[in-house]
Amino acid sequence: MTAAVGDLEEAVQLAREIKWQIWEQTRLTASAGVSSCKFLAKIASDQQKPDGLTVIPPDEATAFLAALPIEQFFGVGKVTAAKLRNLGIQTGADLKRLGEERLRELLGKHGSLLYRFACSEDNRPVEPVRERKSVGKEVTLERDLRDRGEMERILENLSTQVERRLVELGIAGKTLTLKVRWSNFELVTRATSHAQGFQVAQEMLPVLRALLCGLADDKRAVRLLGVIVSGLISQDEIRRARQVVTPHTCSRPGVHIFALVGCG
């Protein structure tokens, strides 16, 4: 989250209160980071997972970023990191020394962004509320599983958890997806859509069984199973969709400090 606070100490206290509220309401731990910009606060929040609070004061930001490995900079994946390391770029100090123009030649617009990060500059706004795209649950199994009946029991349990969360949020989803990872780590998904939406586990299960039957055979072992509902719609949209199908049910009518909290 982001808030305008009087000073760094006030921001740290706010982060502590947020962590406490998360624990009181969910019994989940959370890591928090406090600093002078979004990028630094996010990096800080990753430092002491799953239940830490890290503060990077503005006067320590330059030294912190200079020593930061390039892999920890936002948007630097394995391919980009390898490309940079082949050029002798290992840390934030190396990024800054290379300069914005050279980084832009190498990486395009992202090169300019990396240079600004290395200089402790990040004007991107914090988006405290992200639009939810899906609700899902999955489980990685302790052993490879070939028993179809056991797979279906696991899917029933996952569907029940998804239903509980959908009901809590007051939403449903038009698309139901089955996620399967085989024992050789190959990941496959199968999905189906329904205009009236999926919310109730007992409505999901027959569809999930059919999807499972369509891709599983008795010789293949499963390591992960997941259930995902996407294409989310509100309760009003659910009612309207179901009224179209069953019309007889129709009724008439100061100092800005960024504190990012991420559940660990």
C-alpha atoms as a PDB file:
ATOM      1  CA  MET A   1       0.000   0.000   0.000  1.00  0.00           C
ATOM      2  CA  THR A   2       1.052   3.628  -0.178  1.00  0.00           C
ATOM      3  CA  ALA A   3       0.209   6.473   2.117  1.00  0.00           C
ATOM      4  CA  ALA A   4       1.295  10.034   2.781  1.00  0.00           C
ATOM      5  CA  VAL A   5       2.900  10.008   6.204  1.00  0.00           C
ATOM      6  CA  GLY A   6       4.899  12.429   8.263  1.00  0.00           C
ATOM      7  CA  ASP A   7       8.198  10.557   8.322  1.00  0.00           C
ATOM      8  CA  LEU A   8       9.879   7.171   8.007  1.00  0.00           C
ATOM      9  CA  GLU A   9       9.103   6.197  11.595  1.00  0.00           C
ATOM     10  CA  GLU A  10       5.385   6.757  10.991  1.00  0.00           C
ATOM     11  CA  ALA A  11       5.545   4.631   7.838  1.00  0.00           C
ATOM     12  CA  VAL A  12       7.229   1.791   9.740  1.00  0.00           C
ATOM     13  CA  GLN A  13       4.538   1.916  12.406  1.00  0.00           C
ATOM     14  CA  LEU A  14       1.883   1.773   9.707  1.00  0.00           C
ATOM     15  CA  ALA A  15       3.544  -1.306   8.194  1.00  0.00           C
ATOM     16  CA  ARG A  16       3.578  -2.984  11.638  1.00  0.00           C
ATOM     17  CA  GLU A  17      -0.133  -2.257  12.053  1.00  0.00           C
ATOM     18  CA  ILE A  18      -0.908  -3.746   8.633  1.00  0.00           C
ATOM     19  CA  LYS A  19       1.039  -6.909   9.473  1.00  0.00           C
ATOM     20  CA  TRP A  20      -0.821  -7.187  12.767  1.00  0.00           C
ATOM     21  CA  GLN A  21      -4.208  -6.708  11.076  1.00  0.00           C
ATOM     22  CA  ILE A  22      -3.402  -9.420   8.524  1.00  0.00           C
ATOM     23  CA  TRP A  23      -2.507 -11.797  11.349  1.00  0.00           C
ATOM     24  CA  GLU A  24      -5.585 -10.943  13.409  1.00  0.00           C
ATOM     25  CA  GLN A  25      -7.991 -11.370  10.489  1.00  0.00           C
ATOM     26  CA  THR A  26      -6.420 -14.332   8.659  1.00  0.00           C
ATOM     27  CA  ARG A  27      -3.813 -15.925  10.957  1.00  0.00           C
ATOM     28  CA  LEU A  28      -1.359 -15.542   8.075  1.00  0.00           C
ATOM     29  CA  THR A  29       2.093 -13.989   8.323  1.00  0.00           C
ATOM     30  CA  ALA A  30       3.181 -11.237   5.938  1.00  0.00           C
ATOM     31  CA  SER A  31       6.448  -9.581   5.019  1.00  0.00           C
ATOM     32  CA  ALA A  32       6.609  -5.814   4.652  1.00  0.00           C
ATOM     33  CA  GLY A  33       8.976  -3.323   3.113  1.00  0.00           C
ATOM     34  CA  VAL A  34       9.198   0.418   3.674  1.00  0.00           C
ATOM     35  CA  SER A  35      11.181   2.838   1.546  1.00  0.00           C
ATOM     36  CA  SER A  36      10.968   5.995  -0.528  1.00  0.00           C
ATOM     37  CA  CYS A  37       9.714   4.437  -3.782  1.00  0.00           C
ATOM     38  CA  LYS A  38       7.753   1.454  -5.020  1.00  0.00           C
ATOM     39  CA  PHE A  39      10.729  -0.534  -6.363  1.00  0.00           C
ATOM     40  CA  LEU A  40      12.766  -0.240  -3.161  1.00  0.00           C
ATOM     41  CA  ALA A  41       9.787  -1.052  -0.948  1.00  0.00           C
ATOM     42  CA  LYS A  42       9.044  -4.182  -2.988  1.00  0.00           C
ATOM     43  CA  ILE A  43      12.677  -5.316  -2.782  1.00  0.00           C
ATOM     44  CA  ALA A  44      12.601  -4.662   0.965  1.00  0.00           C
ATOM     45  CA  SER A  45       9.438  -6.724   1.399  1.00  0.00           C
ATOM     46  CA  ASP A  46      11.225  -9.719  -0.144  1.00  0.00           C
ATOM     47  CA  GLN A  47      14.180  -9.592   2.239  1.00  0.00           C
ATOM     48  CA  GLN A  48      12.740 -11.242   5.362  1.00  0.00           C
ATOM     49  CA  LYS A  49       9.925 -13.523   4.223  1.00  0.00           C
ATOM     50  CA  PRO A  50       7.642 -14.856   5.513  1.00  0.00           C
ATOM     51  CA  ASP A  51       7.228 -12.592   8.563  1.00  0.00           C
ATOM     52  CA  GLY A  52       9.704  -9.743   8.417  1.00  0.00           C
ATOM     53  CA  LEU A  53       9.759  -5.969   8.203  1.00  0.00           C
ATOM     54  CA  THR A  54      12.632  -4.391   6.273  1.00  0.00           C
ATOM     55  CA  VAL A  55      13.274  -0.660   6.064  1.00  0.00           C
ATOM     56  CA  ILE A  56      15.535   1.003   3.488  1.00  0.00           C
ATOM     57  CA  PRO A  57      15.983   4.657   4.510  1.00  0.00           C
ATOM     58  CA  PRO A  58      16.470   7.132   1.649  1.00  0.00           C
ATOM     59  CA  ASP A  59      20.057   7.874   2.709  1.00  0.00           C
ATOM     60  CA  GLU A  60      20.926   4.154   2.474  1.00  0.00           C
ATOM     61  CA  ALA A  61      19.214   3.501  -0.856  1.00  0.00           C
ATOM     62  CA  THR A  62      22.234   4.248  -3.054  1.00  0.00           C
ATOM     63  CA  ALA A  63      24.520   1.804  -1.242  1.00  0.00           C
ATOM     64  CA  PHE A  64      21.794  -0.840  -1.072  1.00  0.00           C
ATOM     65  CA  LEU A  65      21.108  -0.683  -4.826  1.00  0.00           C
ATOM     66  CA  ALA A  66      24.792  -0.601  -5.717  1.00  0.00           C
ATOM     67  CA  ALA A  67      25.284  -4.002  -4.073  1.00  0.00           C
ATOM     68  CA  LEU A  68      22.008  -5.525  -5.290  1.00  0.00           C
ATOM     69  CA  PRO A  69      22.465  -8.442  -7.747  1.00  0.00           C
ATOM     70  CA  ILE A  70      20.945  -7.739 -11.146  1.00  0.00           C
ATOM     71  CA  GLU A  71      18.584 -10.731 -10.818  1.00  0.00           C
ATOM     72  CA  GLN A  72      16.738  -8.888  -8.052  1.00  0.00           C
ATOM     73  CA  PHE A  73      15.904  -5.906 -10.253  1.00  0.00           C
ATOM     74  CA  PHE A  74      12.315  -5.829 -11.485  1.00  0.00           C
ATOM     75  CA  GLY A  75      11.921  -7.405 -14.926  1.00  0.00           C
ATOM     76  CA  VAL A  76      15.330  -9.104 -15.046  1.00  0.00           C
ATOM     77  CA  GLY A  77      14.735 -12.778 -15.806  1.00  0.00           C
ATOM     78  CA  LYS A  78      17.209 -15.532 -16.597  1.00  0.00           C
ATOM     79  CA  VAL A  79      17.736 -14.506 -20.224  1.00  0.00           C
ATOM     80  CA  THR A  80      18.289 -10.806 -19.471  1.00  0.00           C
ATOM     81  CA  ALA A  81      20.503 -11.623 -16.481  1.00  0.00           C
ATOM     82  CA  ALA A  82      22.681 -13.910 -18.607  1.00  0.00           C
ATOM     83  CA  LYS A  83      22.984 -11.233 -21.297  1.00  0.00           C
ATOM     84  CA  LEU A  84      24.031  -8.621 -18.748  1.00  0.00           C
ATOM     85  CA  ARG A  85      26.444 -10.901 -16.917  1.00  0.00           C
ATOM     86  CA  ASN A  86      28.162 -11.751 -20.207  1.00  0.00           C
ATOM     87  CA  LEU A  87      28.914  -8.034 -20.411  1.00  0.00           C
ATOM     88  CA  GLY A  88      30.344  -8.020 -16.889  1.00  0.00           C
ATOM     89  CA  ILE A  89      27.264  -6.438 -15.319  1.00  0.00           C
ATOM     90  CA  GLN A  90      26.721  -8.073 -11.938  1.00  0.00           C
ATOM     91  CA  THR A  91      25.124  -5.466  -9.656  1.00  0.00           C
ATOM     92  CA  GLY A  92      23.186  -2.249  -9.515  1.00  0.00           C
ATOM     93  CA  ALA A  93      26.457  -0.335  -9.438  1.00  0.00           C
ATOM     94  CA  ASP A  94      27.374  -1.890 -12.785  1.00  0.00           C
ATOM     95  CA  LEU A  95      24.004  -0.916 -14.261  1.00  0.00           C
ATOM     96  CA  LYS A  96      24.485   2.674 -13.152  1.00  0.00           C
ATOM     97  CA  ARG A  97      28.053   2.763 -14.454  1.00  0.00           C
ATOM     98  CA  LEU A  98      26.996   1.455 -17.885  1.00  0.00           C
ATOM     99  CA  GLY A  99      24.619   4.367 -18.319  1.00  0.00           C
ATOM    100  CA  GLU A 100      21.064   4.785 -19.538  1.00  0.00           C
ATOM    101  CA  GLU A 101      21.882   5.172 -23.236  1.00  0.00           C
ATOM    102  CA  ARG A 102      23.868   1.921 -23.420  1.00  0.00           C
ATOM    103  CA  LEU A 103      21.239   0.027 -21.426  1.00  0.00           C
ATOM    104  CA  ARG A 104      18.545   1.324 -23.760  1.00  0.00           C
ATOM    105  CA  GLU A 105      20.575   0.083 -26.751  1.00  0.00           C
ATOM    106  CA  LEU A 106      20.802  -3.362 -25.160  1.00  0.00           C
ATOM    107  CA  LEU A 107      17.308  -3.719 -23.687  1.00  0.00           C
ATOM    108  CA  GLY A 108      15.093  -1.075 -25.247  1.00  0.00           C
ATOM    109  CA  LYS A 109      12.706   0.815 -22.960  1.00  0.00           C
ATOM    110  CA  HIS A 110      13.352  -1.639 -20.150  1.00  0.00           C
ATOM    111  CA  GLY A 111      16.994  -0.563 -20.180  1.00  0.00           C
ATOM    112  CA  SER A 112      15.957   2.980 -19.300  1.00  0.00           C
ATOM    113  CA  LEU A 113      13.733   1.668 -16.514  1.00  0.00           C
ATOM    114  CA  LEU A 114      16.575  -0.421 -15.079  1.00  0.00           C
ATOM    115  CA  TYR A 115      18.863   2.593 -15.078  1.00  0.00           C
ATOM    116  CA  ARG A 116      16.307   4.646 -13.157  1.00  0.00           C
ATOM    117  CA  PHE A 117      15.881   1.814 -10.652  1.00  0.00           C
ATOM    118  CA  ALA A 118      19.658   1.695 -10.158  1.00  0.00           C
ATOM    119  CA  CYS A 119      19.508   5.442  -9.446  1.00  0.00           C
ATOM    120  CA  SER A 120      16.723   4.917  -6.885  1.00  0.00           C
ATOM    121  CA  GLU A 121      14.131   6.550  -9.155  1.00  0.00           C
ATOM    122  CA  ASP A 122      10.688   4.986  -9.555  1.00  0.00           C
ATOM    123  CA  ASN A 123       7.680   7.142 -10.322  1.00  0.00           C
ATOM    124  CA  ARG A 124       5.307   4.267 -11.073  1.00  0.00           C
ATOM    125  CA  PRO A 125       2.106   4.558  -9.040  1.00  0.00           C
ATOM    126  CA  VAL A 126       1.278   1.894  -6.486  1.00  0.00           C
ATOM    127  CA  GLU A 127      -1.892   0.007  -7.366  1.00  0.00           C
ATOM    128  CA  PRO A 128      -3.254  -1.041  -3.968  1.00  0.00           C
ATOM    129  CA  VAL A 129      -6.208  -2.924  -5.461  1.00  0.00           C
ATOM    130  CA  ARG A 130      -5.626  -5.231  -8.391  1.00  0.00           C
ATOM    131  CA  GLU A 131      -8.477  -6.570 -10.425  1.00  0.00           C
ATOM    132  CA  ARG A 132      -8.901 -10.241  -9.624  1.00  0.00           C
ATOM    133  CA  LYS A 133      -8.734 -12.412 -12.747  1.00  0.00           C
ATOM    134  CA  SER A 134      -9.428 -15.841 -11.273  1.00  0.00           C
ATOM    135  CA  VAL A 135      -9.989 -17.941  -8.165  1.00  0.00           C
ATOM    136  CA  GLY A 136      -8.177 -21.241  -7.899  1.00  0.00           C
ATOM    137  CA  LYS A 137      -6.779 -23.919  -5.662  1.00  0.00           C
ATOM    138  CA  GLU A 138      -4.153 -26.534  -6.387  1.00  0.00           C
ATOM    139  CA  VAL A 139      -2.204 -29.199  -4.557  1.00  0.00           C
ATOM    140  CA  THR A 140       1.184 -30.765  -5.230  1.00  0.00           C
ATOM    141  CA  LEU A 141       1.060 -34.413  -4.218  1.00  0.00           C
ATOM    142  CA  GLU A 142       3.679 -36.052  -2.028  1.00  0.00           C
ATOM    143  CA  ARG A 143       3.767 -39.055  -4.353  1.00  0.00           C
ATOM    144  CA  ASP A 144       2.812 -39.816  -7.937  1.00  0.00           C
ATOM    145  CA  LEU A 145      -0.859 -40.709  -8.154  1.00  0.00           C
ATOM    146  CA  ARG A 146      -2.491 -43.077 -10.660  1.00  0.00           C
ATOM    147  CA  ASP A 147      -5.751 -43.851  -8.870  1.00  0.00           C
ATOM    148  CA  ARG A 148      -8.555 -42.085 -10.760  1.00  0.00           C
ATOM    149  CA  GLY A 149     -10.927 -42.269  -7.805  1.00  0.00           C
ATOM    150  CA  GLU A 150      -8.383 -40.569  -5.556  1.00  0.00           C
ATOM    151  CA  MET A 151      -7.838 -37.868  -8.191  1.00  0.00           C
ATOM    152  CA  GLU A 152     -11.572 -37.184  -8.224  1.00  0.00           C
ATOM    153  CA  ARG A 153     -11.688 -36.980  -4.430  1.00  0.00           C
ATOM    154  CA  ILE A 154      -8.891 -34.417  -4.522  1.00  0.00           C
ATOM    155  CA  LEU A 155     -10.748 -32.429  -7.180  1.00  0.00           C
ATOM    156  CA  GLU A 156     -13.855 -32.484  -5.003  1.00  0.00           C
ATOM    157  CA  ASN A 157     -11.890 -31.036  -2.100  1.00  0.00           C
ATOM    158  CA  LEU A 158     -10.315 -28.353  -4.300  1.00  0.00           C
ATOM    159  CA  SER A 159     -13.701 -27.462  -5.794  1.00  0.00           C
ATOM    160  CA  THR A 160     -15.158 -27.041  -2.331  1.00  0.00           C
ATOM    161  CA  GLN A 161     -12.354 -24.636  -1.422  1.00  0.00           C
ATOM    162  CA  VAL A 162     -12.869 -22.672  -4.632  1.00  0.00           C
ATOM    163  CA  GLU A 163     -16.627 -22.513  -4.002  1.00  0.00           C
ATOM    164  CA  ARG A 164     -16.045 -21.188  -0.487  1.00  0.00           C
ATOM    165  CA  ARG A 165     -13.831 -18.393  -1.800  1.00  0.00           C
ATOM    166  CA  LEU A 166     -16.210 -17.501  -4.636  1.00  0.00           C
ATOM    167  CA  VAL A 167     -19.109 -17.263  -2.207  1.00  0.00           C
ATOM    168  CA  GLU A 168     -17.046 -15.087   0.142  1.00  0.00           C
ATOM    169  CA  LEU A 169     -16.291 -12.720  -2.747  1.00  0.00           C
ATOM    170  CA  GLY A 170     -19.854 -12.846  -4.095  1.00  0.00           C
ATOM    171  CA  ILE A 171     -18.728 -13.847  -7.588  1.00  0.00           C
ATOM    172  CA  ALA A 172     -18.747 -16.734 -10.037  1.00  0.00           C
ATOM    173  CA  GLY A 173     -16.763 -17.449 -13.197  1.00  0.00           C
ATOM    174  CA  LYS A 174     -17.723 -18.322 -16.735  1.00  0.00           C
ATOM    175  CA  THR A 175     -14.709 -20.583 -17.338  1.00  0.00           C
ATOM    176  CA  LEU A 176     -13.678 -23.664 -15.353  1.00  0.00           C
ATOM    177  CA  THR A 177     -10.131 -24.973 -15.835  1.00  0.00           C
ATOM    178  CA  LEU A 178      -8.563 -28.254 -14.774  1.00  0.00           C
ATOM    179  CA  LYS A 179      -4.821 -28.061 -14.198  1.00  0.00           C
ATOM    180  CA  VAL A 180      -2.711 -31.221 -14.203  1.00  0.00           C
ATOM    181  CA  ARG A 181       1.014 -31.747 -13.885  1.00  0.00           C
ATOM    182  CA  TRP A 182       2.157 -35.239 -14.809  1.00  0.00           C
ATOM    183  CA  SER A 183       4.924 -37.062 -12.961  1.00  0.00           C
ATOM    184  CA  ASN A 184       7.364 -36.045 -15.723  1.00  0.00           C
ATOM    185  CA  PHE A 185       6.515 -32.386 -14.849  1.00  0.00           C
ATOM    186  CA  GLU A 186       4.619 -31.777 -18.086  1.00  0.00           C
ATOM    187  CA  LEU A 187       1.843 -29.272 -17.345  1.00  0.00           C
ATOM    188  CA  VAL A 188      -1.501 -29.416 -19.163  1.00  0.00           C
ATOM    189  CA  THR A 189      -4.769 -27.529 -18.731  1.00  0.00           C
ATOM    190  CA  ARG A 190      -8.261 -28.144 -20.042  1.00  0.00           C
ATOM    191  CA  ALA A 191     -11.130 -25.672 -19.772  1.00  0.00           C
ATOM    192  CA  THR A 192     -14.795 -25.248 -20.531  1.00  0.00           C
ATOM    193  CA  SER A 193     -17.095 -22.230 -20.385  1.00  0.00           C
ATOM    194  CA  HIS A 194     -20.680 -21.835 -19.211  1.00  0.00           C
ATOM    195  CA  ALA A 195     -22.725 -18.639 -19.668  1.00  0.00           C
ATOM    196  CA  GLN A 196     -24.468 -19.116 -16.309  1.00  0.00           C
ATOM    197  CA  GLY A 197     -21.147 -19.301 -14.510  1.00  0.00           C
ATOM    198  CA  PHE A 198     -19.529 -21.725 -12.088  1.00  0.00           C
ATOM    199  CA  GLN A 199     -19.722 -21.178  -8.346  1.00  0.00           C
ATOM    200  CA  VAL A 200     -20.976 -24.374  -6.681  1.00  0.00           C
ATOM    201  CA  ALA A 201     -18.631 -27.346  -6.266  1.00  0.00           C
ATOM    202  CA  GLN A 202     -21.329 -29.871  -7.161  1.00  0.00           C
ATOM    203  CA  GLU A 203     -21.760 -28.111 -10.510  1.00  0.00           C
ATOM    204  CA  MET A 204     -18.012 -28.085 -11.126  1.00  0.00           C
ATOM    205  CA  LEU A 205     -17.354 -31.751 -10.343  1.00  0.00           C
ATOM    206  CA  PRO A 206     -19.083 -33.425 -13.325  1.00  0.00           C
ATOM    207  CA  VAL A 207     -17.263 -31.036 -15.658  1.00  0.00           C
ATOM    208  CA  LEU A 208     -13.910 -31.646 -13.957  1.00  0.00           C
ATOM    209  CA  ARG A 209     -14.402 -35.418 -14.129  1.00  0.00           C
ATOM    210  CA  ALA A 210     -15.110 -35.171 -17.856  1.00  0.00           C
ATOM    211  CA  LEU A 211     -12.057 -32.979 -18.429  1.00  0.00           C
ATOM    212  CA  LEU A 212      -9.892 -35.383 -16.433  1.00  0.00           C
ATOM    213  CA  CYS A 213     -11.259 -38.359 -18.342  1.00  0.00           C
ATOM    214  CA  GLY A 214     -10.430 -36.614 -21.598  1.00  0.00           C
ATOM    215  CA  LEU A 215      -6.734 -36.228 -20.848  1.00  0.00           C
ATOM    216  CA  ALA A 216      -5.827 -38.938 -18.341  1.00  0.00           C
ATOM    217  CA  ASP A 217      -5.169 -42.600 -18.900  1.00  0.00           C
ATOM    218  CA  ASP A 218      -4.473 -45.283 -16.320  1.00  0.00           C
ATOM    219  CA  LYS A 219      -0.778 -45.429 -17.200  1.00  0.00           C
ATOM    220  CA  ARG A 220       0.047 -41.795 -16.465  1.00  0.00           C
ATOM    221  CA  ALA A 221       0.780 -40.622 -12.957  1.00  0.00           C
ATOM    222  CA  VAL A 222      -0.196 -37.205 -11.651  1.00  0.00           C
ATOM    223  CA  ARG A 223       1.920 -34.975  -9.404  1.00  0.00           C
ATOM    224  CA  LEU A 224      -0.286 -31.839  -9.216  1.00  0.00           C
ATOM    225  CA  LEU A 225      -3.995 -31.118  -9.540  1.00  0.00           C
ATOM    226  CA  GLY A 226      -5.651 -27.724  -9.682  1.00  0.00           C
ATOM    227  CA  VAL A 227      -9.072 -26.138 -10.161  1.00  0.00           C
ATOM    228  CA  ILE A 228      -9.396 -22.580 -11.493  1.00  0.00           C
ATOM    229  CA  VAL A 229     -12.477 -20.446 -12.119  1.00  0.00           C
ATOM    230  CA  SER A 230     -11.931 -17.399 -14.347  1.00  0.00           C
ATOM    231  CA  GLY A 231     -13.935 -14.954 -16.434  1.00  0.00           C
ATOM    232  CA  LEU A 232     -15.309 -13.662 -13.151  1.00  0.00           C
ATOM    233  CA  ILE A 233     -18.793 -12.167 -12.954  1.00  0.00           C
ATOM    234  CA  SER A 234     -20.805 -10.515 -10.187  1.00  0.00           C
ATOM    235  CA  GLN A 235     -23.886 -11.855  -8.430  1.00  0.00           C
ATOM    236  CA  ASP A 236     -26.063  -9.553 -10.564  1.00  0.00           C
ATOM    237  CA  GLU A 237     -24.503 -10.932 -13.743  1.00  0.00           C
ATOM    238  CA  ILE A 238     -25.036 -14.479 -12.470  1.00  0.00           C
ATOM    239  CA  ARG A 239     -28.720 -13.779 -11.859  1.00  0.00           C
ATOM    240  CA  ARG A 240     -29.169 -12.156 -15.255  1.00  0.00           C
ATOM    241  CA  ALA A 241     -27.473 -15.059 -17.040  1.00  0.00           C
ATOM    242  CA  ARG A 242     -29.637 -17.612 -15.255  1.00  0.00           C
ATOM    243  CA  GLN A 243     -32.812 -15.649 -15.898  1.00  0.00           C
ATOM    244  CA  VAL A 244     -32.117 -15.829 -19.640  1.00  0.00           C
ATOM    245  CA  VAL A 245     -31.907 -19.608 -19.442  1.00  0.00           C
ATOM    246  CA  THR A 246     -34.782 -20.062 -16.964  1.00  0.00           C
ATOM    247  CA  PRO A 247     -37.177 -17.120 -17.534  1.00  0.00           C
ATOM    248  CA  HIS A 248     -39.777 -18.511 -15.175  1.00  0.00           C
ATOM    249  CA  THR A 249     -37.550 -17.515 -12.264  1.00  0.00           C
ATOM    250  CA  CYS A 250     -37.500 -13.897 -13.380  1.00  0.00           C
ATOM    251  CA  SER A 251     -38.880 -11.422 -10.908  1.00  0.00           C
ATOM    252  CA  ARG A 252     -39.973  -7.900 -11.840  1.00  0.00           C
ATOM    253  CA  PRO A 253     -38.290  -5.474 -10.999  1.00  0.00           C
ATOM    254  CA  GLY A 254       3.705  15.209   3.493  1.00  0.00           C
ATOM    255  CA  VAL A 255       6.326  12.652   2.858  1.00  0.00           C
ATOM    256  CA  HIS A 256       5.224   9.819   0.732  1.00  0.00           C
ATOM    257  CA  ILE A 257       6.488   6.490   1.955  1.00  0.00           C
ATOM    258  CA  PHE A 258       5.550   3.300   0.179  1.00  0.00           C
ATOM    259  CA  ALA A 259       4.849   0.266   2.294  1.00  0.00           C
ATOM    260  CA  LEU A 260       4.265  -2.937   0.399  1.00  0.00           C
ATOM    261  CA  VAL A 261       2.937  -5.927   2.253  1.00  0.00           C
ATOM    262  CA  GLY A 262       3.131  -9.317   0.618  1.00  0.00           C
ATOM    263  CA  CYS A 263       1.880 -12.485   2.235  1.00  0.00           C
ATOM    264  CA  GLY A 264       4.740 -14.867   2.691  1.00  0.00           C
END
